[in-house]
């Protein structure tokens, strides 16, 4: 798997050229886009933009990781997505010119490309392949938000954490699952609507019970079947502790 560029390695123009969203555009077109793009570095926890503020840029993550957060009716922050390098947001406001409907927060040191909405809209209109990628991303976003809503409907806090871990995971060897570049605990907490301490306790309990194993920034789910049972409320922690 190719590694994503670090913040230190980043060259803004080269990062734009490497974006899947812009793949297939002539180099001179990407260079013209770069002339109109503002590249901003954000520290962990810093807001890239706020919900309900005026939207005048299309945002692309070039390095790092950012979390999309929506406010509930009672003001609680709910994490709905995690954006990795190459991911983008702001297409809705480019299309309808309405204010932002969510907040974007850097989950770690992150570099963001801010493309003026007017330039982004020209890209959408002039290049069908860009339009298709935008529509594909919109579909993925709608599905992800629906999944998060289904997780939030689960009563038990720990079960919500377990469900999120399963959703982050990808197949690996020996019937295991892995979560590459594991989101930090605060990110997971906002997505599960629990405290960071609850996430920490849930993960440490699963590691102690040999359901999970940590490897640097990667989390390995060594016993997906047990984690699935826990997520569905079909097993208790003492069962996990005795699972093979």
Protein backbone atom coordinates (compact mmCIF):
# COMPACT_ATOMS: atom_id res chain seq x y z
CA UNK A 1 0.00 0.00 0.00
CA UNK A 2 1.54 3.35 -0.94
CA UNK A 3 2.15 5.65 1.99
CA UNK A 4 0.34 8.96 2.21
CA UNK A 5 2.56 12.04 2.18
CA UNK A 6 3.49 13.54 5.51
CA UNK A 7 2.90 17.19 6.24
CA UNK A 8 6.64 17.80 6.03
CA UNK A 9 6.97 16.08 2.62
CA UNK A 10 4.11 17.96 1.06
CA UNK A 11 4.55 20.02 -2.11
CA UNK A 12 1.17 21.70 -2.77
CA UNK A 13 1.30 21.50 -6.57
CA UNK A 14 2.50 17.90 -6.60
CA UNK A 15 -0.15 17.02 -4.03
CA UNK A 16 -2.85 18.47 -6.29
CA UNK A 17 -1.51 16.52 -9.27
CA UNK A 18 -1.68 13.31 -7.23
CA UNK A 19 -5.30 13.79 -6.14
CA UNK A 20 -7.69 11.09 -7.41
CA UNK A 21 -10.31 13.81 -7.87
CA UNK A 22 -8.14 15.62 -10.45
CA UNK A 23 -6.72 12.51 -12.12
CA UNK A 24 -6.86 12.85 -15.90
CA UNK A 25 -6.69 16.63 -16.05
CA UNK A 26 -3.91 18.15 -18.11
CA UNK A 27 -0.95 19.38 -16.09
CA UNK A 28 -1.54 22.96 -17.19
CA UNK A 29 -5.12 22.79 -15.89
CA UNK A 30 -3.92 21.57 -12.48
CA UNK A 31 -1.26 24.29 -12.44
CA UNK A 32 -3.96 26.89 -13.12
CA UNK A 33 -6.06 25.46 -10.29
CA UNK A 34 -3.04 25.72 -7.98
CA UNK A 35 -2.71 29.44 -8.75
CA UNK A 36 -6.19 30.03 -7.33
CA UNK A 37 -5.86 27.64 -4.38
CA UNK A 38 -4.95 28.63 -0.84
CA UNK A 39 -2.94 26.03 1.06
CA UNK A 40 -3.38 26.21 4.84
CA UNK A 41 -1.76 24.18 7.62
CA UNK A 42 -3.94 23.48 10.68
CA UNK A 43 -2.88 22.26 14.10
CA UNK A 44 -4.71 19.36 15.75
CA UNK A 45 -8.03 20.57 17.14
CA UNK A 46 -8.16 23.70 14.98
CA UNK A 47 -11.37 24.38 13.05
CA UNK A 48 -11.04 24.55 9.26
CA UNK A 49 -14.56 25.99 9.04
CA UNK A 50 -17.63 26.23 11.24
CA UNK A 51 -21.20 25.07 10.77
CA UNK A 52 -23.53 27.80 9.43
CA UNK A 53 -20.73 30.10 8.25
CA UNK A 54 -20.70 31.39 4.68
CA UNK A 55 -19.16 28.93 2.25
CA UNK A 56 -16.87 30.23 -0.46
CA UNK A 57 -14.37 27.41 -0.89
CA UNK A 58 -14.24 23.78 -1.88
CA UNK A 59 -12.00 21.99 0.62
CA UNK A 60 -9.56 19.13 -0.09
CA UNK A 61 -7.42 17.34 2.50
CA UNK A 62 -3.83 17.10 1.25
CA UNK A 63 -2.15 15.67 4.36
CA UNK A 64 -3.23 14.68 7.84
CA UNK A 65 -6.75 13.88 8.95
CA UNK A 66 -9.87 15.97 9.63
CA UNK A 67 -13.21 15.22 11.26
CA UNK A 68 -16.61 16.37 10.05
CA UNK A 69 -18.82 17.36 12.99
CA UNK A 70 -22.51 18.28 13.08
CA UNK A 71 -24.31 19.79 16.06
CA UNK A 72 -27.38 18.04 17.44
CA UNK A 73 -30.48 20.06 18.30
CA UNK A 74 -29.26 20.35 21.90
CA UNK A 75 -25.79 21.50 20.83
CA UNK A 76 -23.85 18.24 21.22
CA UNK A 77 -21.08 17.66 18.63
CA UNK A 78 -21.61 14.45 16.63
CA UNK A 79 -18.80 13.23 14.38
CA UNK A 80 -20.14 12.00 11.05
CA UNK A 81 -17.04 11.44 8.90
CA UNK A 82 -13.26 11.28 9.02
CA UNK A 83 -11.50 12.80 6.00
CA UNK A 84 -8.10 11.44 4.92
CA UNK A 85 -5.68 12.74 2.27
CA UNK A 86 -7.51 13.01 -1.06
CA UNK A 87 -10.93 13.40 0.53
CA UNK A 88 -12.91 16.58 -0.04
CA UNK A 89 -15.91 18.46 1.31
CA UNK A 90 -17.95 21.52 0.42
CA UNK A 91 -19.47 20.31 -2.84
CA UNK A 92 -23.00 20.94 -1.58
CA UNK A 93 -22.31 24.61 -0.93
CA UNK A 94 -20.55 24.94 -4.29
CA UNK A 95 -23.76 23.70 -5.93
CA UNK A 96 -26.42 25.51 -3.87
CA UNK A 97 -24.35 28.43 -2.40
CA UNK A 98 -25.89 27.88 1.06
CA UNK A 99 -23.85 28.14 4.31
CA UNK A 100 -21.84 25.23 5.67
CA UNK A 101 -24.01 22.54 7.23
CA UNK A 102 -21.21 21.08 9.35
CA UNK A 103 -17.93 21.92 11.09
CA UNK A 104 -14.55 20.57 9.95
CA UNK A 105 -11.84 20.10 12.60
CA UNK A 106 -8.23 18.98 12.10
CA UNK A 107 -7.80 15.70 14.00
CA UNK A 108 -4.02 16.01 13.70
CA UNK A 109 -1.65 18.38 11.93
CA UNK A 110 -3.36 18.76 8.58
CA UNK A 111 -2.84 20.60 5.29
CA UNK A 112 -5.97 21.78 3.50
CA UNK A 113 -6.40 23.11 -0.04
CA UNK A 114 -9.09 25.80 -0.28
CA UNK A 115 -10.30 26.14 -3.86
CA UNK A 116 -12.63 29.10 -4.52
CA UNK A 117 -16.21 27.92 -5.03
CA UNK A 118 -16.42 29.68 -8.41
CA UNK A 119 -13.39 27.76 -9.73
CA UNK A 120 -14.69 24.50 -8.29
CA UNK A 121 -18.05 25.00 -9.99
CA UNK A 122 -16.32 25.55 -13.34
CA UNK A 123 -14.54 22.22 -12.86
CA UNK A 124 -17.83 20.50 -12.08
CA UNK A 125 -19.44 21.91 -15.23
CA UNK A 126 -16.55 21.52 -17.68
CA UNK A 127 -15.23 18.05 -16.79
CA UNK A 128 -17.77 15.20 -16.62
CA UNK A 129 -15.21 12.91 -14.96
CA UNK A 130 -14.91 15.39 -12.08
CA UNK A 131 -18.70 15.60 -11.83
CA UNK A 132 -18.94 11.81 -11.69
CA UNK A 133 -16.38 11.65 -8.85
CA UNK A 134 -18.24 14.34 -6.94
CA UNK A 135 -21.51 12.40 -7.33
CA UNK A 136 -19.83 9.16 -6.24
CA UNK A 137 -18.52 10.92 -3.13
CA UNK A 138 -21.96 12.37 -2.39
CA UNK A 139 -23.40 8.85 -2.51
CA UNK A 140 -20.71 7.54 -0.13
CA UNK A 141 -21.30 10.44 2.24
CA UNK A 142 -25.05 9.84 2.36
CA UNK A 143 -24.47 6.16 3.10
CA UNK A 144 -21.87 6.92 5.80
CA UNK A 145 -24.14 9.41 7.54
CA UNK A 146 -26.97 6.87 7.48
CA UNK A 147 -24.64 4.30 9.06
CA UNK A 148 -23.59 6.71 11.79
CA UNK A 149 -27.24 7.47 12.55
CA UNK A 150 -27.93 3.75 12.90
CA UNK A 151 -24.99 3.46 15.32
CA UNK A 152 -26.25 6.41 17.39
CA UNK A 153 -29.60 4.66 17.73
CA UNK A 154 -27.92 1.87 19.73
CA UNK A 155 -28.61 2.25 23.44
CA UNK A 156 -25.41 0.83 24.94
CA UNK A 157 -22.43 3.19 24.71
CA UNK A 158 -19.85 0.39 24.44
CA UNK A 159 -21.80 -1.27 21.63
CA UNK A 160 -21.66 1.99 19.66
CA UNK A 161 -17.86 1.97 19.98
CA UNK A 162 -17.70 -1.67 18.86
CA UNK A 163 -19.87 -0.97 15.82
CA UNK A 164 -17.62 1.92 14.79
CA UNK A 165 -14.49 -0.21 15.09
CA UNK A 166 -16.07 -2.78 12.78
CA UNK A 167 -17.06 -0.06 10.28
CA UNK A 168 -13.49 1.33 10.20
CA UNK A 169 -11.98 -2.13 9.66
CA UNK A 170 -10.75 -3.73 6.43
CA UNK A 171 -10.05 -7.45 5.75
CA UNK A 172 -6.54 -8.69 6.51
CA UNK A 173 -4.70 -12.02 6.67
CA UNK A 174 -5.71 -14.96 8.87
CA UNK A 175 -9.37 -13.87 9.02
CA UNK A 176 -8.38 -10.75 10.96
CA UNK A 177 -9.46 -7.17 10.30
CA UNK A 178 -7.26 -4.07 10.46
CA UNK A 179 -7.89 -0.38 11.00
CA UNK A 180 -5.12 1.60 9.31
CA UNK A 181 -4.32 5.07 10.69
CA UNK A 182 -6.67 4.58 13.61
CA UNK A 183 -8.61 7.79 14.39
CA UNK A 184 -7.79 9.25 17.79
CA UNK A 185 -10.04 8.47 20.71
CA UNK A 186 -11.66 11.90 20.71
CA UNK A 187 -12.67 11.40 17.07
CA UNK A 188 -14.19 8.01 17.83
CA UNK A 189 -15.91 9.46 20.92
CA UNK A 190 -17.67 12.16 18.91
CA UNK A 191 -18.82 9.64 16.32
CA UNK A 192 -20.19 7.29 18.99
CA UNK A 193 -21.56 10.12 21.17
CA UNK A 194 -19.62 8.89 24.22
CA UNK A 195 -16.79 10.28 26.33
CA UNK A 196 -13.15 9.81 25.31
CA UNK A 197 -12.66 7.85 28.53
CA UNK A 198 -15.40 5.43 27.46
CA UNK A 199 -13.58 4.79 24.18
CA UNK A 200 -10.30 4.24 26.03
CA UNK A 201 -11.87 1.76 28.44
CA UNK A 202 -13.61 -0.15 25.64
CA UNK A 203 -10.44 -0.49 23.56
CA UNK A 204 -8.25 -1.46 26.51
CA UNK A 205 -10.78 -4.07 27.62
CA UNK A 206 -10.83 -5.62 24.15
CA UNK A 207 -7.01 -5.67 24.02
CA UNK A 208 -6.92 -7.36 27.43
CA UNK A 209 -9.42 -9.95 26.18
CA UNK A 210 -7.33 -10.67 23.04
CA UNK A 211 -10.01 -9.36 20.70
CA UNK A 212 -7.83 -6.45 19.58
CA UNK A 213 -4.11 -5.85 19.20
CA UNK A 214 -2.38 -2.50 18.67
CA UNK A 215 0.45 -2.09 16.17
CA UNK A 216 1.69 1.53 16.03
CA UNK A 217 -1.16 3.52 14.39
CA UNK A 218 -2.81 0.29 13.24
CA UNK A 219 -5.43 -1.65 15.19
CA UNK A 220 -5.75 -5.36 14.45
CA UNK A 221 -9.06 -7.06 15.21
CA UNK A 222 -7.86 -10.61 15.84
CA UNK A 223 -11.30 -11.97 16.74
CA UNK A 224 -13.91 -10.27 14.51
CA UNK A 225 -16.60 -12.80 15.43
CA UNK A 226 -16.42 -11.95 19.12
CA UNK A 227 -16.33 -8.21 18.44
CA UNK A 228 -19.41 -8.59 16.25
CA UNK A 229 -21.22 -10.44 19.04
CA UNK A 230 -20.25 -7.74 21.52
CA UNK A 231 -21.45 -5.03 19.15
CA UNK A 232 -24.78 -6.79 18.76
CA UNK A 233 -25.17 -7.42 22.48
CA UNK A 234 -24.92 -11.18 21.98
CA UNK A 235 -21.83 -11.58 24.18
CA UNK A 236 -20.48 -10.06 27.38
CA UNK A 237 -16.92 -9.15 28.24
CA UNK A 238 -16.38 -12.34 30.21
CA UNK A 239 -17.20 -14.36 27.05
CA UNK A 240 -14.67 -12.37 25.06
CA UNK A 241 -12.03 -13.07 27.68
CA UNK A 242 -12.41 -16.82 27.08
CA UNK A 243 -12.69 -16.67 23.30
CA UNK A 244 -9.92 -18.52 21.37
